[in-house]
Amino acid sequence: MEEKPLYTAAGKQAASHYKQYVRNAVETATPLMLIIMLYDEAIKMCALAIDDMGINKESVHNKLIKAQKIVTELTVSLNMDAGGEVAENLKSIYIYIHMRLVEANIENNSKKVEEVLRILKDLREAWHIVNQQNRKNLLQQTGGISIQT
């Protein structure tokens, strides 16, 4: 029996275009947008891990490991010299989040992932507000169009 390909040529082309779109989005993003993208991916991994709990332990493990790696990236990208107290507080939060993800992974505990998810969503929203304010300030400084928020 002949094996059928998983994707058609059109499907492969669409996947290639999507990968290029994502690559362009990352390469042209501001530092704040990159932080928000990291949060988005960590949130997605946590939500998918919760969905897989009790169904696929390996998938849960892999998604929680990805979320841990993202939190580690957020931690090491902090500018402790310029960030002062805010950077110190974020570092403490990131360490706590990472610890909870490790515990959730070991214990297969959805409650701990849900807790992390709430924290990540709150932090992501705060970064989103900072990004909007920065964009608004930049437009005002350059004489661009004002943004009503």
Protein backbone atom coordinates (compact mmCIF):
# COMPACT_ATOMS: atom_id res chain seq x y z
CA MET A 1 0.00 0.00 0.00
CA GLU A 2 1.34 3.44 -0.96
CA GLU A 3 1.92 5.87 1.89
CA LYS A 4 0.31 9.28 1.40
CA PRO A 5 2.32 12.36 2.29
CA LEU A 6 1.39 14.09 5.53
CA TYR A 7 1.19 17.51 3.84
CA THR A 8 0.29 18.54 0.33
CA ALA A 9 2.56 20.90 -1.60
CA ALA A 10 0.18 23.76 -0.79
CA GLY A 11 0.27 22.84 2.89
CA LYS A 12 4.07 22.79 2.90
CA GLN A 13 4.15 26.17 1.17
CA ALA A 14 1.70 27.63 3.72
CA ALA A 15 3.85 26.29 6.57
CA SER A 16 6.93 27.84 4.96
CA HIS A 17 5.18 31.21 4.66
CA TYR A 18 4.06 31.02 8.29
CA LYS A 19 7.62 30.28 9.46
CA GLN A 20 8.87 33.27 7.45
CA TYR A 21 6.13 35.45 8.97
CA VAL A 22 7.14 34.42 12.50
CA ARG A 23 10.83 34.96 11.72
CA ASN A 24 10.08 38.47 10.38
CA ALA A 25 7.92 39.28 13.41
CA VAL A 26 10.72 38.34 15.79
CA GLU A 27 13.46 40.05 13.80
CA THR A 28 11.56 43.35 13.58
CA ALA A 29 10.12 43.37 17.10
CA THR A 30 11.14 45.90 19.72
CA PRO A 31 12.70 44.57 22.94
CA LEU A 32 9.36 45.08 24.72
CA MET A 33 7.52 43.16 22.02
CA LEU A 34 10.03 40.31 22.34
CA ILE A 35 9.29 40.14 26.07
CA ILE A 36 5.56 40.03 25.34
CA MET A 37 6.15 37.28 22.75
CA LEU A 38 8.04 35.25 25.37
CA TYR A 39 5.16 35.67 27.79
CA ASP A 40 2.68 34.64 25.08
CA GLU A 41 4.62 31.45 24.40
CA ALA A 42 5.02 30.59 28.10
CA ILE A 43 1.29 31.16 28.63
CA LYS A 44 0.51 28.97 25.64
CA MET A 45 2.79 26.16 26.89
CA CYS A 46 1.21 26.25 30.37
CA ALA A 47 -2.32 26.20 28.95
CA LEU A 48 -1.49 23.29 26.65
CA ALA A 49 0.16 21.41 29.53
CA ILE A 50 -3.01 21.81 31.60
CA ASP A 51 -5.07 20.51 28.66
CA ASP A 52 -2.83 17.42 28.41
CA MET A 53 -2.78 16.60 32.13
CA GLY A 54 -4.16 13.15 32.76
CA ILE A 55 -3.95 12.37 29.04
CA ASN A 56 -0.31 12.56 27.94
CA LYS A 57 2.33 12.85 30.64
CA GLU A 58 5.22 13.18 28.16
CA SER A 59 3.49 16.07 26.38
CA VAL A 60 2.86 17.81 29.72
CA HIS A 61 6.51 17.35 30.66
CA ASN A 62 7.75 18.76 27.34
CA LYS A 63 5.46 21.79 27.51
CA LEU A 64 6.41 22.57 31.09
CA ILE A 65 10.10 22.28 30.19
CA LYS A 66 9.55 24.78 27.37
CA ALA A 67 7.79 27.14 29.79
CA GLN A 68 10.71 26.75 32.23
CA LYS A 69 13.20 27.62 29.48
CA ILE A 70 11.22 30.74 28.60
CA VAL A 71 11.11 31.84 32.24
CA THR A 72 14.86 31.25 32.45
CA GLU A 73 15.33 33.43 29.36
CA LEU A 74 13.21 36.17 30.93
CA THR A 75 15.32 35.93 34.09
CA VAL A 76 18.72 36.14 32.40
CA SER A 77 17.58 38.99 30.15
CA LEU A 78 16.87 41.26 33.13
CA ASN A 79 19.16 44.28 33.31
CA MET A 80 19.90 44.21 37.02
CA ASP A 81 22.08 47.35 36.88
CA ALA A 82 19.51 49.58 35.16
CA GLY A 83 16.39 47.85 36.47
CA GLY A 84 16.90 48.46 40.16
CA GLU A 85 14.10 47.35 42.46
CA VAL A 86 11.79 46.43 39.56
CA ALA A 87 14.39 44.03 38.14
CA GLU A 88 14.99 42.53 41.60
CA ASN A 89 11.26 41.98 42.08
CA LEU A 90 10.86 40.44 38.63
CA LYS A 91 13.83 38.14 39.28
CA SER A 92 12.18 36.92 42.50
CA ILE A 93 8.90 36.33 40.68
CA TYR A 94 10.63 34.47 37.84
CA ILE A 95 12.50 32.25 40.31
CA TYR A 96 9.20 31.47 42.05
CA ILE A 97 7.47 30.72 38.73
CA HIS A 98 10.31 28.43 37.68
CA MET A 99 10.17 26.58 41.00
CA ARG A 100 6.40 26.09 40.67
CA LEU A 101 6.78 24.79 37.11
CA VAL A 102 9.39 22.27 38.26
CA GLU A 103 7.12 21.17 41.12
CA ALA A 104 4.12 20.95 38.80
CA ASN A 105 6.11 18.83 36.39
CA ILE A 106 7.36 16.44 39.08
CA GLU A 107 3.94 16.16 40.74
CA ASN A 108 1.83 16.40 37.56
CA ASN A 109 -0.07 19.13 39.42
CA SER A 110 -2.44 21.26 37.35
CA LYS A 111 -3.16 23.64 40.26
CA LYS A 112 0.46 24.78 40.31
CA VAL A 113 0.44 25.33 36.55
CA GLU A 114 -2.80 27.30 36.87
CA GLU A 115 -1.15 29.49 39.51
CA VAL A 116 1.80 30.12 37.18
CA LEU A 117 -0.59 30.84 34.34
CA ARG A 118 -2.36 33.55 36.37
CA ILE A 119 0.94 35.17 37.31
CA LEU A 120 2.22 35.08 33.72
CA LYS A 121 -1.01 36.59 32.38
CA ASP A 122 -0.86 39.42 34.93
CA LEU A 123 2.79 40.15 34.11
CA ARG A 124 2.11 39.97 30.38
CA GLU A 125 -0.70 42.50 30.75
CA ALA A 126 1.61 44.84 32.66
CA TRP A 127 4.25 44.61 29.92
CA HIS A 128 1.55 45.21 27.30
CA ILE A 129 0.50 48.42 29.08
CA VAL A 130 4.14 49.57 29.29
CA ASN A 131 4.54 48.85 25.57
CA GLN A 132 1.40 50.83 24.69
CA GLN A 133 2.56 53.77 26.80
CA ASN A 134 6.01 53.70 25.18
CA ARG A 135 4.46 53.70 21.72
CA LYS A 136 2.16 56.57 22.67
CA ASN A 137 5.10 58.58 24.07
CA LEU A 138 7.20 57.89 20.97
CA LEU A 139 4.43 59.06 18.66
CA GLN A 140 3.95 62.22 20.68
CA GLN A 141 7.70 62.94 20.68
CA THR A 142 7.99 62.47 16.94
CA GLY A 143 4.86 64.46 16.14
CA GLY A 144 3.07 61.38 14.89
CA ILE A 145 -0.55 60.47 15.24
CA SER A 146 -1.81 60.41 18.81
CA ILE A 147 -3.26 57.15 20.05
CA GLN A 148 -6.42 57.12 22.13
CA THR A 149 -6.31 54.27 24.66
